[in-house]
Amino acid sequence: DMHLFDDIKYFELRLYAAQGQWTKLKERIQQGVVFGPYREGERIYYDALTHYASGDTVHAAKQFNWLAYNNPYFDEGIVTAAAYFMGHGADKLKVYTILSEALLVNPNAVKILKAYIAMAHELGYNAYADSALRTLQPLISSSAFREFVVENQLSGSLLQ
């Protein structure tokens, strides 16, 4: 089944990216992985990561900027773009805007919610962080929720 084989190749790319194996990621893509129009975001995501890993922050920034604003359903792309800009001196409001705009379209995305909550809390937007926590709570297990709250030093009515 060629469809299943393609899915395995795409999953393999995600694993290489998650593990930071940039050389293997680049090699596998060069072996002829076809992304097509429905996987354009993934192609840009992998290009951004490999450019960044090789020290080409100019191209990486352009690609992360594309990821930040073009597909709010690609959670990994949104969160990675926000983290990239946070780590490269971008205004914290830019990072907050990336995450909040993605949540307007994709309000139940766990990865985006977690990043948004941490950023809102850091900026002192506690009412927004609490509201997002209420959205997050039923989406994950209670132990994962408590762990997230403790890791991010959050407090509020949800902890009681």
Protein backbone atom coordinates (compact mmCIF):
# COMPACT_ATOMS: atom_id res chain seq x y z
CA ASP A 1 0.00 0.00 0.00
CA MET A 2 1.74 3.15 -1.24
CA HIS A 3 -0.37 5.44 0.94
CA LEU A 4 0.75 3.62 4.07
CA PHE A 5 4.36 3.69 2.91
CA ASP A 6 4.14 7.47 2.37
CA ASP A 7 2.67 7.92 5.85
CA ILE A 8 5.58 5.96 7.30
CA LYS A 9 8.08 8.20 5.46
CA TYR A 10 6.39 11.36 6.78
CA PHE A 11 6.32 9.93 10.30
CA GLU A 12 10.01 9.10 10.03
CA LEU A 13 10.72 12.73 9.11
CA ARG A 14 8.80 13.91 12.18
CA LEU A 15 10.85 11.57 14.36
CA TYR A 16 14.13 12.85 12.95
CA ALA A 17 13.00 16.44 13.52
CA ALA A 18 11.81 15.71 17.07
CA GLN A 19 15.15 14.07 17.89
CA GLY A 20 17.22 16.84 16.30
CA GLN A 21 18.78 14.46 13.76
CA TRP A 22 19.22 17.14 11.10
CA THR A 23 21.60 15.20 8.88
CA LYS A 24 19.28 12.20 8.67
CA LEU A 25 16.32 14.50 8.10
CA LYS A 26 18.03 16.27 5.23
CA GLU A 27 19.28 13.00 3.71
CA ARG A 28 15.83 11.42 3.81
CA ILE A 29 14.24 14.46 2.15
CA GLN A 30 16.92 14.46 -0.56
CA GLN A 31 16.11 10.81 -1.28
CA GLY A 32 12.93 12.02 -2.93
CA VAL A 33 10.20 12.57 -0.38
CA VAL A 34 7.36 14.30 -2.22
CA PHE A 35 5.38 16.70 -0.07
CA GLY A 36 2.70 17.94 -2.46
CA PRO A 37 0.34 20.85 -1.82
CA TYR A 38 -1.20 19.38 1.34
CA ARG A 39 2.17 19.00 3.01
CA GLU A 40 3.68 22.36 2.08
CA GLY A 41 3.80 23.40 5.74
CA GLU A 42 5.77 20.30 6.65
CA ARG A 43 8.28 20.94 3.86
CA ILE A 44 8.78 24.51 5.05
CA TYR A 45 9.04 23.30 8.65
CA TYR A 46 11.82 20.83 7.80
CA ASP A 47 13.59 23.41 5.64
CA ALA A 48 13.45 25.92 8.49
CA LEU A 49 14.87 23.41 10.95
CA THR A 50 17.70 22.35 8.66
CA HIS A 51 18.57 25.95 7.78
CA TYR A 52 18.62 26.85 11.46
CA ALA A 53 20.75 23.80 12.32
CA SER A 54 23.27 24.80 9.66
CA GLY A 55 23.46 28.36 11.03
CA ASP A 56 21.47 30.01 8.24
CA THR A 57 19.21 32.09 10.46
CA VAL A 58 18.18 34.45 7.63
CA HIS A 59 16.40 31.71 5.68
CA ALA A 60 15.23 30.01 8.86
CA ALA A 61 13.59 33.22 10.10
CA LYS A 62 11.72 33.67 6.80
CA GLN A 63 10.45 30.12 6.94
CA PHE A 64 9.50 30.29 10.61
CA ASN A 65 7.64 33.50 9.86
CA TRP A 66 5.70 31.69 7.12
CA LEU A 67 4.90 28.86 9.55
CA ALA A 68 3.74 31.32 12.20
CA TYR A 69 0.98 32.78 10.07
CA ASN A 70 -0.02 30.35 7.31
CA ASN A 71 -1.37 27.16 8.87
CA PRO A 72 -2.79 27.35 12.39
CA TYR A 73 -3.64 23.64 12.22
CA PHE A 74 0.03 22.63 12.02
CA ASP A 75 0.62 22.75 15.78
CA GLU A 76 4.27 21.79 15.63
CA GLY A 77 5.02 24.52 13.10
CA ILE A 78 3.26 27.21 15.15
CA VAL A 79 4.90 26.26 18.44
CA THR A 80 8.36 25.87 16.90
CA ALA A 81 8.05 29.22 15.11
CA ALA A 82 7.01 30.91 18.36
CA ALA A 83 9.93 29.29 20.20
CA TYR A 84 12.33 30.36 17.45
CA PHE A 85 11.27 34.00 17.67
CA MET A 86 11.31 33.91 21.47
CA GLY A 87 14.88 32.63 21.39
CA HIS A 88 16.01 35.18 18.82
CA GLY A 89 15.12 38.40 20.56
CA ALA A 90 11.72 38.98 19.01
CA ASP A 91 9.30 41.11 20.92
CA LYS A 92 7.36 38.88 23.33
CA LEU A 93 4.17 40.38 21.97
CA LYS A 94 5.03 38.95 18.54
CA VAL A 95 5.29 35.50 20.09
CA TYR A 96 2.04 36.04 21.99
CA THR A 97 0.33 37.20 18.78
CA ILE A 98 1.51 34.13 16.85
CA LEU A 99 0.05 31.83 19.49
CA SER A 100 -3.16 33.75 20.13
CA GLU A 101 -3.99 34.07 16.42
CA ALA A 102 -3.46 30.34 15.93
CA LEU A 103 -5.80 29.63 18.85
CA LEU A 104 -8.53 31.76 17.29
CA VAL A 105 -8.69 29.25 14.44
CA ASN A 106 -7.58 26.11 16.28
CA PRO A 107 -8.80 26.60 19.87
CA ASN A 108 -8.33 23.03 21.12
CA ALA A 109 -4.76 22.46 19.96
CA VAL A 110 -3.01 21.16 23.08
CA LYS A 111 0.53 22.13 22.03
CA ILE A 112 -0.51 25.64 21.07
CA LEU A 113 -2.59 26.04 24.23
CA LYS A 114 0.35 25.04 26.41
CA ALA A 115 2.70 27.49 24.69
CA TYR A 116 0.06 30.23 24.82
CA ILE A 117 -0.63 29.71 28.52
CA ALA A 118 3.07 29.94 29.38
CA MET A 119 3.49 33.11 27.28
CA ALA A 120 0.32 34.76 28.61
CA HIS A 121 1.45 34.00 32.15
CA GLU A 122 4.93 35.39 31.45
CA LEU A 123 3.42 38.62 30.11
CA GLY A 124 1.14 38.94 33.12
CA TYR A 125 -2.06 38.23 31.18
CA ASN A 126 -3.32 36.00 33.98
CA ALA A 127 -7.01 36.16 33.06
CA TYR A 128 -6.18 34.93 29.56
CA ALA A 129 -3.88 32.24 30.94
CA ASP A 130 -6.62 31.06 33.33
CA SER A 131 -9.18 30.99 30.51
CA ALA A 132 -6.82 28.93 28.35
CA LEU A 133 -6.15 26.62 31.30
CA ARG A 134 -9.90 25.98 31.53
CA THR A 135 -9.86 25.04 27.85
CA LEU A 136 -6.81 22.81 28.27
CA GLN A 137 -7.97 20.94 31.37
CA PRO A 138 -10.53 18.60 29.75
CA LEU A 139 -8.25 17.95 26.77
CA ILE A 140 -5.50 16.17 28.74
CA SER A 141 -5.37 13.79 31.67
CA SER A 142 -5.62 15.24 35.16
CA SER A 143 -2.07 14.11 35.99
CA ALA A 144 -0.70 15.73 32.81
CA PHE A 145 -2.65 18.89 33.65
CA ARG A 146 -1.24 19.04 37.21
CA GLU A 147 2.27 18.40 35.87
CA PHE A 148 1.89 21.23 33.34
CA VAL A 149 0.64 23.63 36.01
CA VAL A 150 3.51 22.78 38.36
CA GLU A 151 6.18 22.94 35.61
CA ASN A 152 5.00 26.39 34.57
CA GLN A 153 4.46 27.64 38.10
CA LEU A 154 0.85 28.48 37.44
CA SER A 155 -1.71 28.99 40.13
CA GLY A 156 -5.33 29.95 40.28
CA SER A 157 -8.83 28.69 40.73
CA LEU A 158 -8.27 25.56 38.62
CA LEU A 159 -5.84 24.07 41.12
CA GLN A 160 -8.40 23.81 43.89
